[in-house]
Amino acid sequence: MSTAELTADPDWKLPSIRKMGMILLILTESALFTIFVVAYIFYKGRSLNGPFPQTVLEFPWLASFALFGSSFTITVAEKMIHRGNRFGFHLWWGITMAMGAYFVYFTATEWYHLIYVDHLTISTNVFGTTFYSLVGLHVSHVLVGLLMLSIIFISSLRGKLKPDHYEHMEILSWYWHFVDAIWAVVVSVVYIYSVYF
């Protein structure tokens, strides 16, 4: 199909630059996480001194439920805003933020316990280095997501969220789903693979 034919088609339009940008960001971040996951797997079992994952890690059931559940709540929030239901949007968007904030709180309390009770720091052994690097990389992405969620939430409360901003929300939800998908990999590698295999 030639350029003239494409431009003559009234239904054809260029893909959204914002959406393409987010897709490229997600691909780049996926490559970064792949490096960290491979490093974690490669160095598994190479620590000469403890503590070891089998003795200090507990599966983060509630934190995982909160983060995975937030993918559902952000999807519901999107549907609410498209229907013009501001209250429903604020409710479900706020629940998404609360679930993400709980995940960060869990990580902070887990790290506090690991550092001050189990004496596992980033420099204790290879496990500590790879654990804090991988989990820390993920939680930093959750924090960025929470910041963006908060900006949209505050803008909406102030009445500054317009229909032409809906694409921003959709793109942010893609990022949030990406963060959740990465957690599925991280939790499988860190809390299942390294503890039970």
N, C-alpha and C. Protein backbone atom coordinates (compact mmCIF):
# COMPACT_ATOMS: atom_id res chain seq x y z
N MET A 1 0.85 -1.18 0.00
CA MET A 1 0.00 0.00 0.00
C MET A 1 0.89 1.24 0.00
N SER A 2 0.68 2.13 -0.92
CA SER A 2 1.52 3.33 -1.04
C SER A 2 1.10 4.37 0.00
N THR A 3 1.97 5.36 0.16
CA THR A 3 1.69 6.45 1.11
C THR A 3 0.44 7.21 0.70
N ALA A 4 0.28 7.40 -0.61
CA ALA A 4 -0.90 8.12 -1.10
C ALA A 4 -2.18 7.36 -0.77
N GLU A 5 -2.12 6.02 -0.91
CA GLU A 5 -3.30 5.21 -0.58
C GLU A 5 -3.61 5.25 0.90
N LEU A 6 -2.53 5.24 1.73
CA LEU A 6 -2.73 5.29 3.18
C LEU A 6 -3.35 6.61 3.61
N THR A 7 -2.83 7.70 3.07
CA THR A 7 -3.36 9.00 3.47
C THR A 7 -4.76 9.22 2.93
N ALA A 8 -5.12 8.51 1.83
CA ALA A 8 -6.46 8.64 1.28
C ALA A 8 -7.48 7.89 2.13
N ASP A 9 -7.03 6.91 2.92
CA ASP A 9 -7.93 6.13 3.78
C ASP A 9 -8.28 6.96 5.01
N PRO A 10 -9.54 7.37 5.16
CA PRO A 10 -9.90 8.24 6.29
C PRO A 10 -9.80 7.55 7.65
N ASP A 11 -9.81 6.22 7.68
CA ASP A 11 -9.73 5.50 8.96
C ASP A 11 -8.30 5.27 9.43
N TRP A 12 -7.33 5.50 8.56
CA TRP A 12 -5.94 5.24 8.92
C TRP A 12 -5.34 6.44 9.62
N LYS A 13 -4.59 6.19 10.67
CA LYS A 13 -3.85 7.27 11.34
C LYS A 13 -2.59 6.71 11.94
N LEU A 14 -1.64 7.58 12.17
CA LEU A 14 -0.37 7.17 12.77
C LEU A 14 -0.61 6.62 14.17
N PRO A 15 0.17 5.63 14.58
CA PRO A 15 0.02 5.14 15.96
C PRO A 15 0.42 6.23 16.95
N SER A 16 -0.15 6.16 18.13
CA SER A 16 0.13 7.16 19.17
C SER A 16 1.61 7.14 19.55
N ILE A 17 2.20 8.31 19.55
CA ILE A 17 3.62 8.43 19.93
C ILE A 17 3.78 8.03 21.40
N ARG A 18 2.81 8.41 22.24
CA ARG A 18 2.89 8.05 23.66
C ARG A 18 2.86 6.53 23.85
N LYS A 19 1.94 5.87 23.13
CA LYS A 19 1.84 4.42 23.27
C LYS A 19 3.09 3.73 22.75
N MET A 20 3.62 4.21 21.63
CA MET A 20 4.86 3.63 21.11
C MET A 20 6.01 3.84 22.09
N GLY A 21 6.04 5.02 22.71
CA GLY A 21 7.07 5.31 23.70
C GLY A 21 6.99 4.36 24.90
N MET A 22 5.76 4.10 25.37
CA MET A 22 5.59 3.20 26.50
C MET A 22 5.97 1.77 26.12
N ILE A 23 5.61 1.35 24.92
CA ILE A 23 5.98 0.01 24.47
C ILE A 23 7.50 -0.13 24.45
N LEU A 24 8.20 0.88 23.94
CA LEU A 24 9.67 0.83 23.90
C LEU A 24 10.25 0.86 25.31
N LEU A 25 9.65 1.65 26.20
CA LEU A 25 10.12 1.68 27.59
C LEU A 25 9.96 0.32 28.24
N ILE A 26 8.82 -0.31 28.04
CA ILE A 26 8.57 -1.63 28.63
C ILE A 26 9.55 -2.66 28.07
N LEU A 27 9.83 -2.61 26.78
CA LEU A 27 10.81 -3.53 26.20
C LEU A 27 12.20 -3.31 26.78
N THR A 28 12.59 -2.05 26.94
CA THR A 28 13.90 -1.72 27.51
C THR A 28 13.98 -2.19 28.96
N GLU A 29 12.94 -1.90 29.73
CA GLU A 29 12.93 -2.31 31.14
C GLU A 29 12.90 -3.83 31.27
N SER A 30 12.23 -4.51 30.35
CA SER A 30 12.21 -5.98 30.37
C SER A 30 13.62 -6.53 30.18
N ALA A 31 14.38 -5.92 29.28
CA ALA A 31 15.77 -6.34 29.07
C ALA A 31 16.60 -6.12 30.33
N LEU A 32 16.39 -4.98 30.99
CA LEU A 32 17.12 -4.68 32.23
C LEU A 32 16.79 -5.71 33.31
N PHE A 33 15.50 -5.99 33.49
CA PHE A 33 15.12 -6.98 34.50
C PHE A 33 15.65 -8.36 34.15
N THR A 34 15.70 -8.68 32.87
CA THR A 34 16.23 -9.99 32.46
C THR A 34 17.68 -10.14 32.92
N ILE A 35 18.47 -9.08 32.79
CA ILE A 35 19.87 -9.11 33.23
C ILE A 35 19.94 -9.39 34.73
N PHE A 36 19.12 -8.70 35.51
CA PHE A 36 19.13 -8.87 36.96
C PHE A 36 18.64 -10.26 37.37
N VAL A 37 17.62 -10.77 36.69
CA VAL A 37 17.11 -12.12 37.00
C VAL A 37 18.15 -13.17 36.66
N VAL A 38 18.79 -13.05 35.51
CA VAL A 38 19.82 -14.02 35.11
C VAL A 38 20.98 -13.98 36.10
N ALA A 39 21.37 -12.79 36.54
CA ALA A 39 22.45 -12.67 37.53
C ALA A 39 22.06 -13.35 38.84
N TYR A 40 20.81 -13.14 39.27
CA TYR A 40 20.34 -13.77 40.51
C TYR A 40 20.41 -15.30 40.38
N ILE A 41 19.92 -15.82 39.26
CA ILE A 41 19.92 -17.27 39.06
C ILE A 41 21.35 -17.80 38.95
N PHE A 42 22.21 -17.07 38.24
CA PHE A 42 23.59 -17.51 38.05
C PHE A 42 24.33 -17.62 39.38
N TYR A 43 24.10 -16.65 40.28
CA TYR A 43 24.82 -16.64 41.55
C TYR A 43 24.10 -17.39 42.67
N LYS A 44 22.97 -18.02 42.34
CA LYS A 44 22.24 -18.78 43.36
C LYS A 44 23.13 -19.88 43.92
N GLY A 45 23.15 -19.99 45.23
CA GLY A 45 23.93 -21.04 45.89
C GLY A 45 25.42 -20.79 45.96
N ARG A 46 25.87 -19.61 45.58
CA ARG A 46 27.31 -19.33 45.58
C ARG A 46 27.78 -18.60 46.83
N SER A 47 26.84 -18.28 47.71
CA SER A 47 27.24 -17.63 48.96
C SER A 47 27.95 -18.64 49.85
N LEU A 48 29.12 -18.24 50.37
CA LEU A 48 29.89 -19.13 51.23
C LEU A 48 29.45 -19.03 52.68
N ASN A 49 28.84 -17.93 53.04
CA ASN A 49 28.37 -17.74 54.41
C ASN A 49 26.92 -17.28 54.40
N GLY A 50 26.21 -17.53 55.50
CA GLY A 50 24.80 -17.18 55.60
C GLY A 50 24.61 -15.72 55.93
N PRO A 51 23.37 -15.32 56.06
CA PRO A 51 22.16 -16.14 55.92
C PRO A 51 21.84 -16.49 54.46
N PHE A 52 21.11 -17.59 54.32
CA PHE A 52 20.73 -18.10 53.01
C PHE A 52 19.23 -17.91 52.80
N PRO A 53 18.78 -17.92 51.53
CA PRO A 53 17.35 -17.67 51.28
C PRO A 53 16.42 -18.64 52.00
N GLN A 54 16.83 -19.90 52.13
CA GLN A 54 15.97 -20.90 52.77
C GLN A 54 15.70 -20.58 54.24
N THR A 55 16.62 -19.85 54.86
CA THR A 55 16.48 -19.59 56.30
C THR A 55 15.84 -18.24 56.63
N VAL A 56 15.82 -17.30 55.67
CA VAL A 56 15.33 -15.96 56.02
C VAL A 56 14.13 -15.48 55.20
N LEU A 57 13.85 -16.10 54.08
CA LEU A 57 12.75 -15.61 53.24
C LEU A 57 11.45 -16.35 53.50
N GLU A 58 10.38 -15.59 53.58
CA GLU A 58 9.03 -16.15 53.66
C GLU A 58 8.25 -15.64 52.46
N PHE A 59 7.39 -16.51 51.92
CA PHE A 59 6.65 -16.11 50.72
C PHE A 59 5.74 -14.93 51.03
N PRO A 60 5.80 -13.87 50.22
CA PRO A 60 5.01 -12.66 50.48
C PRO A 60 3.57 -12.76 49.96
N TRP A 61 2.76 -13.56 50.64
CA TRP A 61 1.41 -13.82 50.16
C TRP A 61 0.57 -12.54 50.04
N LEU A 62 0.48 -11.79 51.13
CA LEU A 62 -0.39 -10.61 51.12
C LEU A 62 0.12 -9.53 50.17
N ALA A 63 1.43 -9.33 50.16
CA ALA A 63 2.00 -8.31 49.27
C ALA A 63 1.77 -8.69 47.81
N SER A 64 1.93 -9.96 47.50
CA SER A 64 1.71 -10.41 46.12
C SER A 64 0.24 -10.27 45.74
N PHE A 65 -0.64 -10.64 46.66
CA PHE A 65 -2.08 -10.50 46.40
C PHE A 65 -2.42 -9.03 46.15
N ALA A 66 -1.84 -8.14 46.95
CA ALA A 66 -2.12 -6.71 46.80
C ALA A 66 -1.65 -6.21 45.44
N LEU A 67 -0.43 -6.58 45.05
CA LEU A 67 0.10 -6.07 43.79
C LEU A 67 -0.63 -6.68 42.60
N PHE A 68 -0.85 -7.98 42.61
CA PHE A 68 -1.58 -8.60 41.50
C PHE A 68 -3.02 -8.10 41.44
N GLY A 69 -3.63 -7.92 42.60
CA GLY A 69 -4.99 -7.41 42.64
C GLY A 69 -5.11 -5.99 42.12
N SER A 70 -4.03 -5.22 42.24
CA SER A 70 -4.07 -3.84 41.78
C SER A 70 -4.17 -3.74 40.25
N SER A 71 -3.78 -4.80 39.54
CA SER A 71 -3.99 -4.81 38.09
C SER A 71 -5.49 -4.84 37.76
N PHE A 72 -6.24 -5.57 38.59
CA PHE A 72 -7.69 -5.62 38.41
C PHE A 72 -8.31 -4.26 38.74
N THR A 73 -7.89 -3.66 39.86
CA THR A 73 -8.52 -2.41 40.29
C THR A 73 -8.22 -1.26 39.34
N ILE A 74 -7.02 -1.23 38.76
CA ILE A 74 -6.71 -0.14 37.83
C ILE A 74 -7.51 -0.30 36.54
N THR A 75 -7.78 -1.54 36.16
CA THR A 75 -8.61 -1.79 34.98
C THR A 75 -10.05 -1.32 35.22
N VAL A 76 -10.57 -1.61 36.41
CA VAL A 76 -11.92 -1.15 36.76
C VAL A 76 -11.96 0.38 36.79
N ALA A 77 -10.92 1.01 37.35
CA ALA A 77 -10.86 2.47 37.40
C ALA A 77 -10.90 3.07 36.00
N GLU A 78 -10.17 2.46 35.08
CA GLU A 78 -10.19 2.94 33.68
C GLU A 78 -11.59 2.86 33.09
N LYS A 79 -12.27 1.75 33.33
CA LYS A 79 -13.63 1.59 32.81
C LYS A 79 -14.56 2.64 33.40
N MET A 80 -14.37 2.94 34.69
CA MET A 80 -15.22 3.94 35.35
C MET A 80 -15.06 5.32 34.73
N ILE A 81 -13.82 5.72 34.45
CA ILE A 81 -13.61 7.07 33.91
C ILE A 81 -14.15 7.17 32.49
N HIS A 82 -14.06 6.08 31.73
CA HIS A 82 -14.60 6.10 30.37
C HIS A 82 -16.13 6.17 30.38
N ARG A 83 -16.75 5.69 31.45
CA ARG A 83 -18.21 5.78 31.58
C ARG A 83 -18.65 7.11 32.19
N GLY A 84 -17.68 7.93 32.57
CA GLY A 84 -18.00 9.22 33.18
C GLY A 84 -18.32 9.14 34.66
N ASN A 85 -17.98 8.02 35.29
CA ASN A 85 -18.24 7.82 36.72
C ASN A 85 -17.02 8.26 37.52
N ARG A 86 -16.99 9.54 37.88
CA ARG A 86 -15.83 10.09 38.60
C ARG A 86 -15.65 9.45 39.98
N PHE A 87 -16.76 9.27 40.69
CA PHE A 87 -16.66 8.67 42.02
C PHE A 87 -16.08 7.27 41.93
N GLY A 88 -16.60 6.47 41.01
CA GLY A 88 -16.08 5.11 40.83
C GLY A 88 -14.62 5.11 40.44
N PHE A 89 -14.25 6.07 39.58
CA PHE A 89 -12.84 6.18 39.20
C PHE A 89 -11.98 6.48 40.41
N HIS A 90 -12.37 7.48 41.20
CA HIS A 90 -11.58 7.85 42.38
C HIS A 90 -11.48 6.68 43.35
N LEU A 91 -12.58 5.98 43.53
CA LEU A 91 -12.60 4.83 44.45
C LEU A 91 -11.60 3.76 44.00
N TRP A 92 -11.72 3.31 42.76
CA TRP A 92 -10.89 2.20 42.29
C TRP A 92 -9.44 2.62 42.06
N TRP A 93 -9.23 3.85 41.63
CA TRP A 93 -7.86 4.35 41.46
C TRP A 93 -7.20 4.47 42.83
N GLY A 94 -7.97 4.95 43.81
CA GLY A 94 -7.45 5.04 45.18
C GLY A 94 -7.13 3.68 45.77
N ILE A 95 -7.98 2.68 45.49
CA ILE A 95 -7.71 1.32 45.96
C ILE A 95 -6.42 0.79 45.32
N THR A 96 -6.24 1.09 44.05
CA THR A 96 -5.00 0.68 43.36
C THR A 96 -3.78 1.28 44.05
N MET A 97 -3.87 2.57 44.37
CA MET A 97 -2.75 3.23 45.05
C MET A 97 -2.51 2.63 46.44
N ALA A 98 -3.58 2.33 47.15
CA ALA A 98 -3.45 1.75 48.49
C ALA A 98 -2.79 0.37 48.42
N MET A 99 -3.16 -0.42 47.42
CA MET A 99 -2.57 -1.75 47.28
C MET A 99 -1.09 -1.66 46.92
N GLY A 100 -0.76 -0.71 46.05
CA GLY A 100 0.65 -0.50 45.71
C GLY A 100 1.44 0.00 46.91
N ALA A 101 0.82 0.90 47.69
CA ALA A 101 1.49 1.42 48.88
C ALA A 101 1.70 0.30 49.92
N TYR A 102 0.73 -0.60 50.04
CA TYR A 102 0.91 -1.72 50.96
C TYR A 102 2.08 -2.59 50.52
N PHE A 103 2.22 -2.80 49.22
CA PHE A 103 3.34 -3.59 48.71
C PHE A 103 4.67 -2.96 49.11
N VAL A 104 4.77 -1.63 48.96
CA VAL A 104 6.00 -0.93 49.35
C VAL A 104 6.22 -1.05 50.86
N TYR A 105 5.15 -0.90 51.64
CA TYR A 105 5.25 -1.04 53.09
C TYR A 105 5.75 -2.44 53.46
N PHE A 106 5.21 -3.47 52.81
CA PHE A 106 5.66 -4.83 53.08
C PHE A 106 7.15 -4.97 52.79
N THR A 107 7.58 -4.45 51.65
CA THR A 107 8.99 -4.55 51.29
C THR A 107 9.86 -3.85 52.32
N ALA A 108 9.44 -2.69 52.79
CA ALA A 108 10.21 -1.95 53.80
C ALA A 108 10.31 -2.74 55.10
N THR A 109 9.20 -3.34 55.54
CA THR A 109 9.25 -4.12 56.78
C THR A 109 10.05 -5.40 56.60
N GLU A 110 9.95 -6.02 55.44
CA GLU A 110 10.74 -7.22 55.16
C GLU A 110 12.23 -6.88 55.20
N TRP A 111 12.61 -5.79 54.55
CA TRP A 111 14.02 -5.41 54.54
C TRP A 111 14.51 -5.04 55.93
N TYR A 112 13.67 -4.36 56.70
CA TYR A 112 14.06 -4.01 58.07
C TYR A 112 14.38 -5.28 58.86
N HIS A 113 13.51 -6.26 58.75
CA HIS A 113 13.71 -7.53 59.45
C HIS A 113 14.97 -8.25 58.95
N LEU A 114 15.14 -8.28 57.64
CA LEU A 114 16.31 -8.95 57.07
C LEU A 114 17.61 -8.27 57.51
N ILE A 115 17.62 -6.96 57.55
CA ILE A 115 18.85 -6.22 57.90
C ILE A 115 19.14 -6.26 59.38
N TYR A 116 18.13 -5.97 60.22
CA TYR A 116 18.38 -5.80 61.65
C TYR A 116 18.17 -7.06 62.48
N VAL A 117 17.42 -8.02 61.98
CA VAL A 117 17.22 -9.26 62.73
C VAL A 117 18.07 -10.39 62.14
N ASP A 118 17.99 -10.54 60.82
CA ASP A 118 18.73 -11.64 60.17
C ASP A 118 20.14 -11.23 59.75
N HIS A 119 20.44 -9.95 59.84
CA HIS A 119 21.77 -9.42 59.50
C HIS A 119 22.16 -9.71 58.05
N LEU A 120 21.19 -9.58 57.16
CA LEU A 120 21.45 -9.74 55.73
C LEU A 120 21.44 -8.35 55.10
N THR A 121 22.61 -7.90 54.65
CA THR A 121 22.71 -6.62 53.96
C THR A 121 23.18 -6.88 52.54
N ILE A 122 23.28 -5.81 51.78
CA ILE A 122 23.71 -5.96 50.39
C ILE A 122 25.16 -6.43 50.29
N SER A 123 25.94 -6.23 51.38
CA SER A 123 27.35 -6.63 51.36
C SER A 123 27.64 -7.87 52.20
N THR A 124 26.61 -8.51 52.75
CA THR A 124 26.83 -9.69 53.60
C THR A 124 27.37 -10.86 52.80
N ASN A 125 26.71 -11.14 51.68
CA ASN A 125 27.12 -12.26 50.83
C ASN A 125 26.53 -12.05 49.43
N VAL A 126 26.79 -13.00 48.54
CA VAL A 126 26.31 -12.88 47.16
C VAL A 126 24.77 -12.87 47.13
N PHE A 127 24.16 -13.68 47.98
CA PHE A 127 22.69 -13.69 48.03
C PHE A 127 22.16 -12.31 48.38
N GLY A 128 22.73 -11.67 49.39
CA GLY A 128 22.30 -10.33 49.79
C GLY A 128 22.44 -9.33 48.66
N THR A 129 23.55 -9.40 47.95
CA THR A 129 23.79 -8.47 46.84
C THR A 129 22.75 -8.65 45.74
N THR A 130 22.53 -9.89 45.32
CA THR A 130 21.59 -10.12 44.21
C THR A 130 20.14 -9.92 44.65
N PHE A 131 19.82 -10.29 45.90
CA PHE A 131 18.46 -10.12 46.41
C PHE A 131 18.07 -8.65 46.44
N TYR A 132 18.88 -7.82 47.11
CA TYR A 132 18.52 -6.40 47.24
C TYR A 132 18.57 -5.68 45.89
N SER A 133 19.45 -6.12 45.00
CA SER A 133 19.52 -5.50 43.67
C SER A 133 18.26 -5.78 42.87
N LEU A 134 17.84 -7.05 42.83
CA LEU A 134 16.67 -7.42 42.02
C LEU A 134 15.37 -6.90 42.63
N VAL A 135 15.17 -7.16 43.91
CA VAL A 135 13.93 -6.72 44.56
C VAL A 135 13.90 -5.19 44.64
N GLY A 136 15.06 -4.58 44.89
CA GLY A 136 15.13 -3.12 44.94
C GLY A 136 14.82 -2.47 43.60
N LEU A 137 15.30 -3.09 42.52
CA LEU A 137 14.98 -2.58 41.19
C LEU A 137 13.47 -2.61 40.96
N HIS A 138 12.85 -3.71 41.38
CA HIS A 138 11.40 -3.81 41.19
C HIS A 138 10.65 -2.79 42.04
N VAL A 139 11.00 -2.68 43.31
CA VAL A 139 10.25 -1.77 44.19
C VAL A 139 10.46 -0.32 43.74
N SER A 140 11.60 -0.01 43.14
CA SER A 140 11.79 1.35 42.62
C SER A 140 10.80 1.64 41.49
N HIS A 141 10.49 0.62 40.70
CA HIS A 141 9.49 0.79 39.64
C HIS A 141 8.08 0.93 40.22
N VAL A 142 7.81 0.24 41.31
CA VAL A 142 6.51 0.40 41.98
C VAL A 142 6.38 1.84 42.50
N LEU A 143 7.46 2.37 43.07
CA LEU A 143 7.43 3.74 43.60
C LEU A 143 7.19 4.76 42.48
N VAL A 144 7.83 4.56 41.34
CA VAL A 144 7.59 5.46 40.19
C VAL A 144 6.13 5.37 39.76
N GLY A 145 5.61 4.15 39.70
CA GLY A 145 4.21 3.97 39.35
C GLY A 145 3.28 4.65 40.33
N LEU A 146 3.56 4.53 41.62
CA LEU A 146 2.73 5.19 42.64
C LEU A 146 2.77 6.71 42.50
N LEU A 147 3.93 7.25 42.17
CA LEU A 147 4.04 8.69 41.97
C LEU A 147 3.14 9.13 40.82
N MET A 148 3.18 8.38 39.72
CA MET A 148 2.36 8.72 38.56
C MET A 148 0.86 8.55 38.86
N LEU A 149 0.52 7.47 39.57
CA LEU A 149 -0.87 7.27 39.98
C LEU A 149 -1.36 8.44 40.83
N SER A 150 -0.49 8.90 41.73
CA SER A 150 -0.85 10.01 42.62
C SER A 150 -1.08 11.30 41.85
N ILE A 151 -0.23 11.54 40.85
CA ILE A 151 -0.38 12.77 40.04
C ILE A 151 -1.74 12.77 39.34
N ILE A 152 -2.10 11.64 38.76
CA ILE A 152 -3.39 11.56 38.06
C ILE A 152 -4.54 11.68 39.06
N PHE A 153 -4.41 11.03 40.22
CA PHE A 153 -5.47 11.08 41.23
C PHE A 153 -5.70 12.52 41.71
N ILE A 154 -4.62 13.22 42.02
CA ILE A 154 -4.73 14.61 42.49
C ILE A 154 -5.29 15.51 41.39
N SER A 155 -4.82 15.30 40.16
CA SER A 155 -5.35 16.10 39.04
C SER A 155 -6.84 15.89 38.87
N SER A 156 -7.28 14.64 39.03
CA SER A 156 -8.70 14.35 38.89
C SER A 156 -9.51 14.99 40.01
N LEU A 157 -9.00 14.92 41.23
CA LEU A 157 -9.71 15.54 42.36
C LEU A 157 -9.84 17.05 42.17
N ARG A 158 -8.86 17.66 41.52
CA ARG A 158 -8.87 19.10 41.29
C ARG A 158 -9.66 19.47 40.03
N GLY A 159 -10.23 18.45 39.37
CA GLY A 159 -11.05 18.70 38.19
C GLY A 159 -10.26 18.99 36.93
N LYS A 160 -8.99 18.62 36.92
CA LYS A 160 -8.14 18.93 35.76
C LYS A 160 -7.95 17.74 34.83
N LEU A 161 -8.62 16.63 35.11
CA LEU A 161 -8.51 15.45 34.25
C LEU A 161 -9.59 15.52 33.19
N LYS A 162 -9.18 15.68 31.96
CA LYS A 162 -10.10 15.84 30.83
C LYS A 162 -10.09 14.57 29.97
N PRO A 163 -11.11 14.40 29.12
CA PRO A 163 -11.16 13.22 28.25
C PRO A 163 -9.91 13.02 27.40
N ASP A 164 -9.24 14.11 27.00
CA ASP A 164 -8.03 13.93 26.20
C ASP A 164 -6.83 13.46 27.04
N HIS A 165 -7.01 13.36 28.35
CA HIS A 165 -5.96 12.80 29.22
C HIS A 165 -6.14 11.29 29.41
N TYR A 166 -7.21 10.72 28.90
CA TYR A 166 -7.49 9.30 29.14
C TYR A 166 -6.41 8.40 28.57
N GLU A 167 -5.79 8.85 27.47
CA GLU A 167 -4.71 8.04 26.91
C GLU A 167 -3.54 7.95 27.89
N HIS A 168 -3.28 9.03 28.63
CA HIS A 168 -2.22 9.00 29.64
C HIS A 168 -2.51 7.93 30.69
N MET A 169 -3.78 7.84 31.08
CA MET A 169 -4.17 6.85 32.08
C MET A 169 -4.01 5.44 31.53
N GLU A 170 -4.38 5.26 30.28
CA GLU A 170 -4.23 3.94 29.66
C GLU A 170 -2.76 3.52 29.62
N ILE A 171 -1.90 4.45 29.24
CA ILE A 171 -0.47 4.16 29.15
C ILE A 171 0.09 3.86 30.54
N LEU A 172 -0.35 4.62 31.53
CA LEU A 172 0.10 4.35 32.90
C LEU A 172 -0.37 2.98 33.37
N SER A 173 -1.58 2.59 32.98
CA SER A 173 -2.06 1.26 33.37
C SER A 173 -1.22 0.17 32.71
N TRP A 174 -0.75 0.40 31.50
CA TRP A 174 0.18 -0.56 30.86
C TRP A 174 1.43 -0.72 31.71
N TYR A 175 1.97 0.42 32.16
CA TYR A 175 3.18 0.38 33.01
C TYR A 175 2.90 -0.39 34.29
N TRP A 176 1.73 -0.14 34.89
CA TRP A 176 1.39 -0.81 36.14
C TRP A 176 1.23 -2.33 35.94
N HIS A 177 0.62 -2.72 34.83
CA HIS A 177 0.51 -4.15 34.52
C HIS A 177 1.90 -4.77 34.30
N PHE A 178 2.78 -4.00 33.68
CA PHE A 178 4.16 -4.45 33.49
C PHE A 178 4.84 -4.69 34.82
N VAL A 179 4.68 -3.76 35.76
CA VAL A 179 5.28 -3.90 37.09
C VAL A 179 4.74 -5.16 37.77
N ASP A 180 3.46 -5.43 37.61
CA ASP A 180 2.86 -6.64 38.19
C ASP A 180 3.43 -7.90 37.53
N ALA A 181 3.56 -7.87 36.21
CA ALA A 181 4.10 -9.03 35.50
C ALA A 181 5.53 -9.30 35.91
N ILE A 182 6.31 -8.25 36.10
CA ILE A 182 7.70 -8.42 36.55
C ILE A 182 7.72 -9.02 37.95
N TRP A 183 6.77 -8.64 38.80
CA TRP A 183 6.73 -9.21 40.15
C TRP A 183 6.47 -10.72 40.09
N ALA A 184 5.66 -11.16 39.13
CA ALA A 184 5.42 -12.60 38.97
C ALA A 184 6.74 -13.33 38.71
N VAL A 185 7.60 -12.72 37.92
CA VAL A 185 8.92 -13.32 37.64
C VAL A 185 9.80 -13.26 38.89
N VAL A 186 9.86 -12.08 39.51
CA VAL A 186 10.72 -11.89 40.68
C VAL A 186 10.31 -12.82 41.82
N VAL A 187 9.03 -12.90 42.11
CA VAL A 187 8.57 -13.73 43.21
C VAL A 187 8.83 -15.21 42.91
N SER A 188 8.73 -15.59 41.64
CA SER A 188 9.00 -16.98 41.28
C SER A 188 10.47 -17.32 41.45
N VAL A 189 11.34 -16.41 41.05
CA VAL A 189 12.79 -16.66 41.12
C VAL A 189 13.30 -16.54 42.55
N VAL A 190 12.90 -15.47 43.24
CA VAL A 190 13.47 -15.18 44.57
C VAL A 190 12.82 -16.00 45.67
N TYR A 191 11.50 -16.10 45.67
CA TYR A 191 10.82 -16.71 46.81
C TYR A 191 10.42 -18.17 46.59
N ILE A 192 10.47 -18.64 45.36
CA ILE A 192 10.13 -20.04 45.10
C ILE A 192 11.37 -20.81 44.66
N TYR A 193 11.98 -20.37 43.57
CA TYR A 193 13.13 -21.09 43.02
C TYR A 193 14.30 -21.15 44.00
N SER A 194 14.68 -20.00 44.57
CA SER A 194 15.87 -20.00 45.43
C SER A 194 15.62 -20.61 46.80
N VAL A 195 14.36 -20.70 47.21
CA VAL A 195 14.06 -21.28 48.53
C VAL A 195 13.83 -22.79 48.43
N TYR A 196 13.15 -23.22 47.38
CA TYR A 196 12.74 -24.64 47.31
C TYR A 196 13.55 -25.48 46.34
N PHE A 197 14.40 -24.88 45.50
CA PHE A 197 15.13 -25.67 44.52
C PHE A 197 16.63 -25.46 44.63
